[in-house]
Amino acid sequence: MQYAENILETIGNTPLIKLNKLTKDLPCLVLAKYETFNPGNSVKDRMAVKMIEDAEAQGLLKPGGTIIEGTSGNTGMGLALVAIVKGYKCIFVLSDKQSKEKMDILRAVGAEVIVCPTDVEPTDPRSYYSVSKRLGEETPNSWYVNQYDNLSNTKAHYESTGPEIWKQTDGKITHFVVGVGTGGTISGVGKYLKEQNPDVKIWGIDTYGSVFKKYHETGIFDENEIYPYVTEGIGEDILPKNVNFDIIDGFTKVTDKDAAVYTQLLAKEEGMFLGNSAGAAIKGLLQLKEHFTKDDVVVVLFHDHGSRYVGKMFNDEWMKKMGYID
């Protein structure tokens, strides 16, 4: 009989799916690494398992402990699934720009959820970075995950996502395109792919209001680049240790409006019911059109599921209110 011992054994080995309609004007083959097939419906399941296993091995997370993390939702979901199987409690801190669905889903899997204001400096004691860090210091028998600087995040993608993509494309991949938030996915996958073939190009998708693109191009952390934005899960107002700028060939920025509109288009044109960062990723890929030739194999990673965004990008009233559609 074929069955998994628990839900965690179903993480990984997600399919590659060809894009057809939205990419019809591109000369190359475009394949989506479709991470919503993970049990928590996102790529973050991979690093959640790795970070917890490494913390256990290092004695940082002890039996009956509490896992504490600041999350935009998906890492929390992955951590919660691991915590259920392994017997830990969870406290997750989210910013108030995250969708209500994400907060409800985390509570549904038994986590305590604390919501913080988005429009404050990262160092402000009310920010979700500061609150999660403080809770980690104050809560007995707890472990603060810190996905931004926890290098087990990158290692998870170096060990699983990268090798899967290389094998699934039979080593023919020429470009990897992915939204950048904590940096674990782009850095882990990028490192693995460049070790197999240094000519593979690694492109990051950034958003307006984030520091990544300018920092990569100039080495300057420009605070004038930072302002609130709507797109969820990508971009940062800090430089996470997981972002390895040396292996990234370039960034392209996508507007909030384009990310939202293309999130809808993926569902309507390709039958791909995906999250907000997928809209940003496919629009960013289309913006990179001149970099591709007919012989190229471009893999774009889609992070999470559309069910997290039913009240936002898949709600026409919300889209009208934001001025994204007429």
C-alpha atoms as a PDB file:
ATOM      1  CA  MET A   1       0.000   0.000   0.000  1.00  0.00           C
ATOM      2  CA  GLN A   2       1.173   3.519  -0.759  1.00  0.00           C
ATOM      3  CA  TYR A   3       0.609   6.112   1.932  1.00  0.00           C
ATOM      4  CA  ALA A   4       2.440   8.838   3.846  1.00  0.00           C
ATOM      5  CA  GLU A   5       3.180   8.319   7.536  1.00  0.00           C
ATOM      6  CA  ASN A   6       1.958  11.860   8.236  1.00  0.00           C
ATOM      7  CA  ILE A   7       1.157  15.082   6.400  1.00  0.00           C
ATOM      8  CA  LEU A   8       4.806  16.211   6.424  1.00  0.00           C
ATOM      9  CA  GLU A   9       5.851  13.378   4.128  1.00  0.00           C
ATOM     10  CA  THR A  10       3.749  14.903   1.344  1.00  0.00           C
ATOM     11  CA  ILE A  11       5.885  18.084   1.206  1.00  0.00           C
ATOM     12  CA  GLY A  12       7.924  18.585  -1.979  1.00  0.00           C
ATOM     13  CA  ASN A  13       8.031  16.919  -5.398  1.00  0.00           C
ATOM     14  CA  THR A  14       5.614  19.520  -6.732  1.00  0.00           C
ATOM     15  CA  PRO A  15       4.894  19.497 -10.504  1.00  0.00           C
ATOM     16  CA  LEU A  16       6.217  21.693 -13.299  1.00  0.00           C
ATOM     17  CA  ILE A  17       3.359  23.029 -15.442  1.00  0.00           C
ATOM     18  CA  LYS A  18       3.663  24.739 -18.827  1.00  0.00           C
ATOM     19  CA  LEU A  19       2.170  28.214 -19.167  1.00  0.00           C
ATOM     20  CA  ASN A  20       0.350  28.733 -22.469  1.00  0.00           C
ATOM     21  CA  LYS A  21      -1.861  31.800 -22.893  1.00  0.00           C
ATOM     22  CA  LEU A  22      -0.164  34.500 -20.827  1.00  0.00           C
ATOM     23  CA  THR A  23       3.236  33.608 -22.302  1.00  0.00           C
ATOM     24  CA  LYS A  24       2.160  33.214 -25.953  1.00  0.00           C
ATOM     25  CA  ASP A  25       4.225  36.243 -27.058  1.00  0.00           C
ATOM     26  CA  LEU A  26       7.429  34.910 -25.506  1.00  0.00           C
ATOM     27  CA  PRO A  27       9.865  32.898 -27.666  1.00  0.00           C
ATOM     28  CA  CYS A  28      10.783  30.455 -24.872  1.00  0.00           C
ATOM     29  CA  LEU A  29       9.231  27.582 -22.939  1.00  0.00           C
ATOM     30  CA  VAL A  30       7.865  28.826 -19.599  1.00  0.00           C
ATOM     31  CA  LEU A  31       7.281  26.293 -16.819  1.00  0.00           C
ATOM     32  CA  ALA A  32       5.678  27.004 -13.441  1.00  0.00           C
ATOM     33  CA  LYS A  33       7.049  25.268 -10.342  1.00  0.00           C
ATOM     34  CA  TYR A  34       3.656  24.871  -8.727  1.00  0.00           C
ATOM     35  CA  GLU A  35       4.198  24.988  -4.963  1.00  0.00           C
ATOM     36  CA  THR A  36       0.541  25.041  -3.940  1.00  0.00           C
ATOM     37  CA  PHE A  37       0.628  21.226  -4.200  1.00  0.00           C
ATOM     38  CA  ASN A  38       2.379  21.218  -0.812  1.00  0.00           C
ATOM     39  CA  PRO A  39      -0.051  20.349   2.025  1.00  0.00           C
ATOM     40  CA  GLY A  40       0.037  23.879   3.465  1.00  0.00           C
ATOM     41  CA  ASN A  41      -0.535  25.209  -0.074  1.00  0.00           C
ATOM     42  CA  SER A  42       2.764  27.078  -0.245  1.00  0.00           C
ATOM     43  CA  VAL A  43       6.508  26.820  -0.850  1.00  0.00           C
ATOM     44  CA  LYS A  44       7.053  27.704   2.822  1.00  0.00           C
ATOM     45  CA  ASP A  45       6.238  24.157   3.965  1.00  0.00           C
ATOM     46  CA  ARG A  46       9.702  23.125   2.797  1.00  0.00           C
ATOM     47  CA  MET A  47      11.663  25.513   4.969  1.00  0.00           C
ATOM     48  CA  ALA A  48       9.287  25.145   7.932  1.00  0.00           C
ATOM     49  CA  VAL A  49      10.248  21.481   8.268  1.00  0.00           C
ATOM     50  CA  LYS A  50      13.956  22.204   7.783  1.00  0.00           C
ATOM     51  CA  MET A  51      14.085  25.083  10.277  1.00  0.00           C
ATOM     52  CA  ILE A  52      12.299  23.050  12.967  1.00  0.00           C
ATOM     53  CA  GLU A  53      14.412  19.920  12.419  1.00  0.00           C
ATOM     54  CA  ASP A  54      17.608  21.979  12.596  1.00  0.00           C
ATOM     55  CA  ALA A  55      16.412  23.789  15.749  1.00  0.00           C
ATOM     56  CA  GLU A  56      15.647  20.430  17.390  1.00  0.00           C
ATOM     57  CA  ALA A  57      19.091  19.087  16.445  1.00  0.00           C
ATOM     58  CA  GLN A  58      20.747  22.198  17.932  1.00  0.00           C
ATOM     59  CA  GLY A  59      18.714  21.950  21.152  1.00  0.00           C
ATOM     60  CA  LEU A  60      16.979  25.286  20.506  1.00  0.00           C
ATOM     61  CA  LEU A  61      13.486  23.754  20.368  1.00  0.00           C
ATOM     62  CA  LYS A  62      12.638  21.397  23.202  1.00  0.00           C
ATOM     63  CA  PRO A  63       9.659  19.027  23.723  1.00  0.00           C
ATOM     64  CA  GLY A  64       6.398  20.850  24.454  1.00  0.00           C
ATOM     65  CA  GLY A  65       7.951  24.176  23.394  1.00  0.00           C
ATOM     66  CA  THR A  66       6.320  27.164  21.727  1.00  0.00           C
ATOM     67  CA  ILE A  67       7.271  28.227  18.203  1.00  0.00           C
ATOM     68  CA  ILE A  68       7.156  32.011  17.714  1.00  0.00           C
ATOM     69  CA  GLU A  69       7.438  33.755  14.355  1.00  0.00           C
ATOM     70  CA  GLY A  70       6.599  36.909  12.457  1.00  0.00           C
ATOM     71  CA  THR A  71       5.008  35.774   9.209  1.00  0.00           C
ATOM     72  CA  SER A  72       2.988  37.044   6.262  1.00  0.00           C
ATOM     73  CA  GLY A  73       0.959  33.850   6.709  1.00  0.00           C
ATOM     74  CA  ASN A  74       2.454  31.025   4.677  1.00  0.00           C
ATOM     75  CA  THR A  75       5.507  30.305   6.839  1.00  0.00           C
ATOM     76  CA  GLY A  76       3.126  30.235   9.795  1.00  0.00           C
ATOM     77  CA  MET A  77       0.978  27.625   8.055  1.00  0.00           C
ATOM     78  CA  GLY A  78       3.994  25.425   7.336  1.00  0.00           C
ATOM     79  CA  LEU A  79       5.290  25.775  10.899  1.00  0.00           C
ATOM     80  CA  ALA A  80       1.825  25.003  12.299  1.00  0.00           C
ATOM     81  CA  LEU A  81       1.593  21.734  10.343  1.00  0.00           C
ATOM     82  CA  VAL A  82       4.994  20.627  11.635  1.00  0.00           C
ATOM     83  CA  ALA A  83       4.048  21.718  15.165  1.00  0.00           C
ATOM     84  CA  ILE A  84       0.843  19.645  15.082  1.00  0.00           C
ATOM     85  CA  VAL A  85       2.728  16.506  14.044  1.00  0.00           C
ATOM     86  CA  LYS A  86       5.558  17.087  16.521  1.00  0.00           C
ATOM     87  CA  GLY A  87       3.566  18.430  19.484  1.00  0.00           C
ATOM     88  CA  TYR A  88       4.522  22.124  19.720  1.00  0.00           C
ATOM     89  CA  LYS A  89       2.457  25.258  20.347  1.00  0.00           C
ATOM     90  CA  CYS A  90       2.592  28.248  17.964  1.00  0.00           C
ATOM     91  CA  ILE A  91       2.305  32.024  18.303  1.00  0.00           C
ATOM     92  CA  PHE A  92       2.390  33.957  15.020  1.00  0.00           C
ATOM     93  CA  VAL A  93       2.689  37.715  14.552  1.00  0.00           C
ATOM     94  CA  LEU A  94       1.271  39.223  11.327  1.00  0.00           C
ATOM     95  CA  SER A  95       1.073  42.756   9.960  1.00  0.00           C
ATOM     96  CA  ASP A  96      -2.405  44.165   9.407  1.00  0.00           C
ATOM     97  CA  LYS A  97      -1.974  44.318   5.610  1.00  0.00           C
ATOM     98  CA  GLN A  98      -2.119  40.511   5.383  1.00  0.00           C
ATOM     99  CA  SER A  99      -5.415  39.040   4.212  1.00  0.00           C
ATOM    100  CA  LYS A 100      -8.065  38.005   6.753  1.00  0.00           C
ATOM    101  CA  GLU A 101      -8.016  34.532   5.174  1.00  0.00           C
ATOM    102  CA  LYS A 102      -4.398  34.055   6.236  1.00  0.00           C
ATOM    103  CA  MET A 103      -5.214  34.974   9.834  1.00  0.00           C
ATOM    104  CA  ASP A 104      -8.278  32.712   9.890  1.00  0.00           C
ATOM    105  CA  ILE A 105      -6.340  29.771   8.400  1.00  0.00           C
ATOM    106  CA  LEU A 106      -3.616  30.063  11.054  1.00  0.00           C
ATOM    107  CA  ARG A 107      -6.207  30.071  13.832  1.00  0.00           C
ATOM    108  CA  ALA A 108      -7.893  27.064  12.170  1.00  0.00           C
ATOM    109  CA  VAL A 109      -4.710  25.017  12.619  1.00  0.00           C
ATOM    110  CA  GLY A 110      -4.458  25.920  16.293  1.00  0.00           C
ATOM    111  CA  ALA A 111      -2.080  28.884  16.301  1.00  0.00           C
ATOM    112  CA  GLU A 112      -2.403  32.019  18.396  1.00  0.00           C
ATOM    113  CA  VAL A 113      -2.365  35.064  16.062  1.00  0.00           C
ATOM    114  CA  ILE A 114      -1.250  38.583  17.002  1.00  0.00           C
ATOM    115  CA  VAL A 115      -1.774  41.436  14.504  1.00  0.00           C
ATOM    116  CA  CYS A 116       0.542  44.482  14.297  1.00  0.00           C
ATOM    117  CA  PRO A 117       0.439  47.715  12.268  1.00  0.00           C
ATOM    118  CA  THR A 118       2.161  47.643   8.865  1.00  0.00           C
ATOM    119  CA  ASP A 119       2.973  51.325   8.549  1.00  0.00           C
ATOM    120  CA  VAL A 120       5.715  51.539  11.193  1.00  0.00           C
ATOM    121  CA  GLU A 121       9.514  51.272  11.040  1.00  0.00           C
ATOM    122  CA  PRO A 122      10.959  47.740  11.426  1.00  0.00           C
ATOM    123  CA  THR A 123      12.659  48.935  14.644  1.00  0.00           C
ATOM    124  CA  ASP A 124       9.384  50.323  16.085  1.00  0.00           C
ATOM    125  CA  PRO A 125       8.338  48.250  19.136  1.00  0.00           C
ATOM    126  CA  ARG A 126       4.897  47.780  17.501  1.00  0.00           C
ATOM    127  CA  SER A 127       6.285  46.284  14.266  1.00  0.00           C
ATOM    128  CA  TYR A 128       5.789  42.603  13.633  1.00  0.00           C
ATOM    129  CA  TYR A 129       9.565  42.093  13.610  1.00  0.00           C
ATOM    130  CA  SER A 130       9.884  43.680  17.083  1.00  0.00           C
ATOM    131  CA  VAL A 131       6.818  42.029  18.622  1.00  0.00           C
ATOM    132  CA  SER A 132       7.776  38.520  17.482  1.00  0.00           C
ATOM    133  CA  LYS A 133      11.347  39.006  18.735  1.00  0.00           C
ATOM    134  CA  ARG A 134      10.110  40.290  22.122  1.00  0.00           C
ATOM    135  CA  LEU A 135       7.697  37.371  22.519  1.00  0.00           C
ATOM    136  CA  GLY A 136      10.576  35.007  21.771  1.00  0.00           C
ATOM    137  CA  GLU A 137      12.553  36.557  24.625  1.00  0.00           C
ATOM    138  CA  GLU A 138       9.638  36.652  27.107  1.00  0.00           C
ATOM    139  CA  THR A 139       7.908  33.294  26.510  1.00  0.00           C
ATOM    140  CA  PRO A 140       9.260  30.362  28.569  1.00  0.00           C
ATOM    141  CA  ASN A 141      10.467  27.285  26.614  1.00  0.00           C
ATOM    142  CA  SER A 142      10.034  29.068  23.287  1.00  0.00           C
ATOM    143  CA  TRP A 143      12.002  29.328  20.063  1.00  0.00           C
ATOM    144  CA  TYR A 144      11.924  32.416  17.832  1.00  0.00           C
ATOM    145  CA  VAL A 145      12.242  31.156  14.257  1.00  0.00           C
ATOM    146  CA  ASN A 146      13.402  34.368  12.489  1.00  0.00           C
ATOM    147  CA  GLN A 147      12.905  33.078   8.930  1.00  0.00           C
ATOM    148  CA  TYR A 148      14.645  36.187   7.528  1.00  0.00           C
ATOM    149  CA  ASP A 149      18.042  35.406   9.070  1.00  0.00           C
ATOM    150  CA  ASN A 150      17.666  31.663   9.766  1.00  0.00           C
ATOM    151  CA  LEU A 151      19.862  30.098   7.086  1.00  0.00           C
ATOM    152  CA  SER A 152      18.050  26.754   7.331  1.00  0.00           C
ATOM    153  CA  ASN A 153      15.495  28.566   5.134  1.00  0.00           C
ATOM    154  CA  THR A 154      17.964  28.786   2.229  1.00  0.00           C
ATOM    155  CA  LYS A 155      19.294  25.291   2.946  1.00  0.00           C
ATOM    156  CA  ALA A 156      15.813  23.770   2.522  1.00  0.00           C
ATOM    157  CA  HIS A 157      15.619  25.049  -1.060  1.00  0.00           C
ATOM    158  CA  TYR A 158      19.218  24.106  -1.823  1.00  0.00           C
ATOM    159  CA  GLU A 159      18.447  20.535  -0.712  1.00  0.00           C
ATOM    160  CA  SER A 160      14.949  20.083  -2.198  1.00  0.00           C
ATOM    161  CA  THR A 161      13.528  22.747  -4.540  1.00  0.00           C
ATOM    162  CA  GLY A 162      16.707  23.303  -6.575  1.00  0.00           C
ATOM    163  CA  PRO A 163      17.443  19.608  -7.231  1.00  0.00           C
ATOM    164  CA  GLU A 164      13.779  18.992  -8.153  1.00  0.00           C
ATOM    165  CA  ILE A 165      13.800  21.778 -10.768  1.00  0.00           C
ATOM    166  CA  TRP A 166      17.120  20.577 -12.228  1.00  0.00           C
ATOM    167  CA  LYS A 167      15.840  17.002 -12.489  1.00  0.00           C
ATOM    168  CA  GLN A 168      12.397  17.961 -13.843  1.00  0.00           C
ATOM    169  CA  THR A 169      13.933  20.099 -16.626  1.00  0.00           C
ATOM    170  CA  ASP A 170      16.545  17.412 -17.382  1.00  0.00           C
ATOM    171  CA  GLY A 171      19.181  20.085 -16.696  1.00  0.00           C
ATOM    172  CA  LYS A 172      17.852  22.275 -19.518  1.00  0.00           C
ATOM    173  CA  ILE A 173      16.738  25.208 -17.349  1.00  0.00           C
ATOM    174  CA  THR A 174      18.288  28.515 -18.486  1.00  0.00           C
ATOM    175  CA  HIS A 175      16.459  31.044 -16.268  1.00  0.00           C
ATOM    176  CA  PHE A 176      14.862  30.895 -12.814  1.00  0.00           C
ATOM    177  CA  VAL A 177      12.385  33.655 -11.902  1.00  0.00           C
ATOM    178  CA  VAL A 178      10.925  34.075  -8.409  1.00  0.00           C
ATOM    179  CA  GLY A 179       9.533  36.694  -6.030  1.00  0.00           C
ATOM    180  CA  VAL A 180      11.935  37.634  -3.233  1.00  0.00           C
ATOM    181  CA  GLY A 181      10.821  38.116   0.374  1.00  0.00           C
ATOM    182  CA  THR A 182      12.965  36.361   2.971  1.00  0.00           C
ATOM    183  CA  GLY A 183      15.307  35.337   0.147  1.00  0.00           C
ATOM    184  CA  GLY A 184      15.470  31.657   1.045  1.00  0.00           C
ATOM    185  CA  THR A 185      13.921  30.350  -2.172  1.00  0.00           C
ATOM    186  CA  ILE A 186      15.941  32.424  -4.643  1.00  0.00           C
ATOM    187  CA  SER A 187      19.207  31.913  -2.739  1.00  0.00           C
ATOM    188  CA  GLY A 188      18.849  28.162  -2.158  1.00  0.00           C
ATOM    189  CA  VAL A 189      17.533  27.299  -5.627  1.00  0.00           C
ATOM    190  CA  GLY A 190      19.918  29.767  -7.281  1.00  0.00           C
ATOM    191  CA  LYS A 191      22.986  28.362  -5.527  1.00  0.00           C
ATOM    192  CA  TYR A 192      22.103  24.797  -6.497  1.00  0.00           C
ATOM    193  CA  LEU A 193      21.338  25.644 -10.136  1.00  0.00           C
ATOM    194  CA  LYS A 194      24.497  27.714 -10.615  1.00  0.00           C
ATOM    195  CA  GLU A 195      26.573  24.868  -9.177  1.00  0.00           C
ATOM    196  CA  GLN A 196      25.135  22.596 -11.883  1.00  0.00           C
ATOM    197  CA  ASN A 197      25.436  25.221 -14.636  1.00  0.00           C
ATOM    198  CA  PRO A 198      26.966  28.664 -13.931  1.00  0.00           C
ATOM    199  CA  ASP A 199      25.189  30.075 -17.015  1.00  0.00           C
ATOM    200  CA  VAL A 200      21.700  29.707 -15.478  1.00  0.00           C
ATOM    201  CA  LYS A 201      20.309  33.207 -14.893  1.00  0.00           C
ATOM    202  CA  ILE A 202      18.582  33.950 -11.573  1.00  0.00           C
ATOM    203  CA  TRP A 203      16.016  36.771 -11.617  1.00  0.00           C
ATOM    204  CA  GLY A 204      14.274  38.217  -8.557  1.00  0.00           C
ATOM    205  CA  ILE A 205      10.849  39.846  -8.620  1.00  0.00           C
ATOM    206  CA  ASP A 206      10.645  42.905  -6.379  1.00  0.00           C
ATOM    207  CA  THR A 207       7.886  45.388  -5.635  1.00  0.00           C
ATOM    208  CA  TYR A 208       7.770  49.190  -5.463  1.00  0.00           C
ATOM    209  CA  GLY A 209       8.290  50.177  -1.818  1.00  0.00           C
ATOM    210  CA  SER A 210      11.042  47.571  -1.334  1.00  0.00           C
ATOM    211  CA  VAL A 211      14.817  48.042  -1.156  1.00  0.00           C
ATOM    212  CA  PHE A 212      16.054  44.934  -3.010  1.00  0.00           C
ATOM    213  CA  LYS A 213      16.444  46.121  -6.605  1.00  0.00           C
ATOM    214  CA  LYS A 214      18.328  49.342  -5.824  1.00  0.00           C
ATOM    215  CA  TYR A 215      20.521  47.628  -3.206  1.00  0.00           C
ATOM    216  CA  HIS A 216      21.461  44.885  -5.685  1.00  0.00           C
ATOM    217  CA  GLU A 217      22.377  47.415  -8.373  1.00  0.00           C
ATOM    218  CA  THR A 218      24.151  50.039  -6.246  1.00  0.00           C
ATOM    219  CA  GLY A 219      25.003  48.512  -2.865  1.00  0.00           C
ATOM    220  CA  ILE A 220      23.080  51.402  -1.290  1.00  0.00           C
ATOM    221  CA  PHE A 221      20.336  50.752   1.269  1.00  0.00           C
ATOM    222  CA  ASP A 222      18.104  53.676   0.311  1.00  0.00           C
ATOM    223  CA  GLU A 223      15.409  54.483   2.861  1.00  0.00           C
ATOM    224  CA  ASN A 224      13.708  56.671   0.254  1.00  0.00           C
ATOM    225  CA  GLU A 225      12.809  53.454  -1.581  1.00  0.00           C
ATOM    226  CA  ILE A 226      10.717  52.308   1.391  1.00  0.00           C
ATOM    227  CA  TYR A 227       6.992  53.024   1.528  1.00  0.00           C
ATOM    228  CA  PRO A 228       3.871  50.930   2.187  1.00  0.00           C
ATOM    229  CA  TYR A 229       2.746  48.635  -0.626  1.00  0.00           C
ATOM    230  CA  VAL A 230      -0.142  46.232  -1.155  1.00  0.00           C
ATOM    231  CA  THR A 231       1.567  43.197  -2.740  1.00  0.00           C
ATOM    232  CA  GLU A 232       1.913  40.416  -0.168  1.00  0.00           C
ATOM    233  CA  GLY A 233       4.863  38.143   0.503  1.00  0.00           C
ATOM    234  CA  ILE A 234       7.591  39.808  -1.577  1.00  0.00           C
ATOM    235  CA  GLY A 235       9.851  42.808  -1.094  1.00  0.00           C
ATOM    236  CA  GLU A 236      11.348  44.014   2.193  1.00  0.00           C
ATOM    237  CA  ASP A 237      12.320  47.136   4.120  1.00  0.00           C
ATOM    238  CA  ILE A 238      15.248  45.200   5.635  1.00  0.00           C
ATOM    239  CA  LEU A 239      18.091  43.086   4.187  1.00  0.00           C
ATOM    240  CA  PRO A 240      17.508  39.485   5.363  1.00  0.00           C
ATOM    241  CA  LYS A 241      20.611  37.316   5.753  1.00  0.00           C
ATOM    242  CA  ASN A 242      18.925  34.746   3.509  1.00  0.00           C
ATOM    243  CA  VAL A 243      19.147  37.033   0.470  1.00  0.00           C
ATOM    244  CA  ASN A 244      22.403  36.101  -1.264  1.00  0.00           C
ATOM    245  CA  PHE A 245      22.748  39.020  -3.689  1.00  0.00           C
ATOM    246  CA  ASP A 246      25.859  37.464  -5.262  1.00  0.00           C
ATOM    247  CA  ILE A 247      23.907  34.671  -6.959  1.00  0.00           C
ATOM    248  CA  ILE A 248      21.096  36.948  -8.218  1.00  0.00           C
ATOM    249  CA  ASP A 249      21.635  38.257 -11.752  1.00  0.00           C
ATOM    250  CA  GLY A 250      19.020  40.995 -11.553  1.00  0.00           C
ATOM    251  CA  PHE A 251      15.695  42.245 -10.219  1.00  0.00           C
ATOM    252  CA  THR A 252      12.643  43.653 -11.924  1.00  0.00           C
ATOM    253  CA  LYS A 253       9.947  45.574 -10.023  1.00  0.00           C
ATOM    254  CA  VAL A 254       6.214  45.023 -10.474  1.00  0.00           C
ATOM    255  CA  THR A 255       3.499  47.489  -9.415  1.00  0.00           C
ATOM    256  CA  ASP A 256       0.769  46.578  -6.918  1.00  0.00           C
ATOM    257  CA  LYS A 257      -1.834  47.034  -9.665  1.00  0.00           C
ATOM    258  CA  ASP A 258      -0.066  44.749 -12.152  1.00  0.00           C
ATOM    259  CA  ALA A 259       0.505  42.081  -9.487  1.00  0.00           C
ATOM    260  CA  ALA A 260      -3.201  42.104  -8.578  1.00  0.00           C
ATOM    261  CA  VAL A 261      -4.452  42.126 -12.192  1.00  0.00           C
ATOM    262  CA  TYR A 262      -2.120  39.292 -13.238  1.00  0.00           C
ATOM    263  CA  THR A 263      -3.148  37.248 -10.189  1.00  0.00           C
ATOM    264  CA  GLN A 264      -6.685  37.324 -11.634  1.00  0.00           C
ATOM    265  CA  LEU A 265      -5.418  36.616 -15.166  1.00  0.00           C
ATOM    266  CA  LEU A 266      -3.542  33.480 -14.048  1.00  0.00           C
ATOM    267  CA  ALA A 267      -6.836  32.092 -12.770  1.00  0.00           C
ATOM    268  CA  LYS A 268      -8.925  33.158 -15.778  1.00  0.00           C
ATOM    269  CA  GLU A 269      -6.429  32.425 -18.571  1.00  0.00           C
ATOM    270  CA  GLU A 270      -4.407  29.481 -17.238  1.00  0.00           C
ATOM    271  CA  GLY A 271      -6.737  27.918 -14.642  1.00  0.00           C
ATOM    272  CA  MET A 272      -4.085  28.623 -12.018  1.00  0.00           C
ATOM    273  CA  PHE A 273      -5.735  29.802  -8.787  1.00  0.00           C
ATOM    274  CA  LEU A 274      -2.723  31.334  -7.101  1.00  0.00           C
ATOM    275  CA  GLY A 275      -1.629  34.013  -4.662  1.00  0.00           C
ATOM    276  CA  ASN A 276      -0.672  37.637  -5.099  1.00  0.00           C
ATOM    277  CA  SER A 277       3.069  36.986  -5.520  1.00  0.00           C
ATOM    278  CA  ALA A 278       2.353  34.686  -8.496  1.00  0.00           C
ATOM    279  CA  GLY A 279       0.730  37.626 -10.290  1.00  0.00           C
ATOM    280  CA  ALA A 280       3.850  39.677  -9.585  1.00  0.00           C
ATOM    281  CA  ALA A 281       6.092  36.822 -10.750  1.00  0.00           C
ATOM    282  CA  ILE A 282       4.383  36.267 -14.119  1.00  0.00           C
ATOM    283  CA  LYS A 283       4.191  40.023 -14.823  1.00  0.00           C
ATOM    284  CA  GLY A 284       7.865  40.368 -13.906  1.00  0.00           C
ATOM    285  CA  LEU A 285       8.728  37.478 -16.222  1.00  0.00           C
ATOM    286  CA  LEU A 286       6.873  39.190 -19.085  1.00  0.00           C
ATOM    287  CA  GLN A 287       8.847  42.390 -18.345  1.00  0.00           C
ATOM    288  CA  LEU A 288      12.059  40.377 -18.875  1.00  0.00           C
ATOM    289  CA  LYS A 289      10.967  39.303 -22.381  1.00  0.00           C
ATOM    290  CA  GLU A 290      14.055  40.635 -24.162  1.00  0.00           C
ATOM    291  CA  HIS A 291      16.311  38.362 -22.090  1.00  0.00           C
ATOM    292  CA  PHE A 292      14.787  35.153 -23.521  1.00  0.00           C
ATOM    293  CA  THR A 293      15.437  33.270 -26.790  1.00  0.00           C
ATOM    294  CA  LYS A 294      13.627  30.379 -28.509  1.00  0.00           C
ATOM    295  CA  ASP A 295      15.990  27.815 -26.979  1.00  0.00           C
ATOM    296  CA  ASP A 296      15.470  28.956 -23.375  1.00  0.00           C
ATOM    297  CA  VAL A 297      13.676  27.050 -20.636  1.00  0.00           C
ATOM    298  CA  VAL A 298      12.382  29.510 -18.037  1.00  0.00           C
ATOM    299  CA  VAL A 299      11.100  28.253 -14.690  1.00  0.00           C
ATOM    300  CA  VAL A 300       8.963  30.619 -12.592  1.00  0.00           C
ATOM    301  CA  LEU A 301       8.074  29.585  -9.049  1.00  0.00           C
ATOM    302  CA  PHE A 302       4.521  30.221  -7.830  1.00  0.00           C
ATOM    303  CA  HIS A 303       4.508  30.457  -4.048  1.00  0.00           C
ATOM    304  CA  ASP A 304       0.992  30.046  -2.717  1.00  0.00           C
ATOM    305  CA  HIS A 305      -2.729  29.465  -3.259  1.00  0.00           C
ATOM    306  CA  GLY A 306      -5.547  31.792  -4.295  1.00  0.00           C
ATOM    307  CA  SER A 307      -7.682  30.794  -1.299  1.00  0.00           C
ATOM    308  CA  ARG A 308      -5.568  33.204   0.802  1.00  0.00           C
ATOM    309  CA  TYR A 309      -6.741  36.171  -1.323  1.00  0.00           C
ATOM    310  CA  VAL A 310     -10.467  35.645  -1.920  1.00  0.00           C
ATOM    311  CA  GLY A 311     -11.304  38.873  -0.078  1.00  0.00           C
ATOM    312  CA  LYS A 312      -8.703  40.874  -2.005  1.00  0.00           C
ATOM    313  CA  MET A 313      -7.342  40.099  -5.488  1.00  0.00           C
ATOM    314  CA  PHE A 314     -10.258  37.771  -6.274  1.00  0.00           C
ATOM    315  CA  ASN A 315     -12.874  40.244  -5.057  1.00  0.00           C
ATOM    316  CA  ASP A 316     -13.872  42.697  -7.795  1.00  0.00           C
ATOM    317  CA  GLU A 317     -15.289  45.184  -5.284  1.00  0.00           C
ATOM    318  CA  TRP A 318     -11.905  45.336  -3.553  1.00  0.00           C
ATOM    319  CA  MET A 319     -10.141  45.589  -6.932  1.00  0.00           C
ATOM    320  CA  LYS A 320     -12.404  48.517  -7.929  1.00  0.00           C
ATOM    321  CA  LYS A 321     -11.902  50.242  -4.581  1.00  0.00           C
ATOM    322  CA  MET A 322      -8.118  50.007  -5.078  1.00  0.00           C
ATOM    323  CA  GLY A 323      -8.462  51.414  -8.630  1.00  0.00           C
ATOM    324  CA  TYR A 324      -7.029  48.247 -10.208  1.00  0.00           C
ATOM    325  CA  ILE A 325     -10.020  47.519 -12.448  1.00  0.00           C
ATOM    326  CA  ASP A 326     -12.816  49.721 -13.848  1.00  0.00           C
END
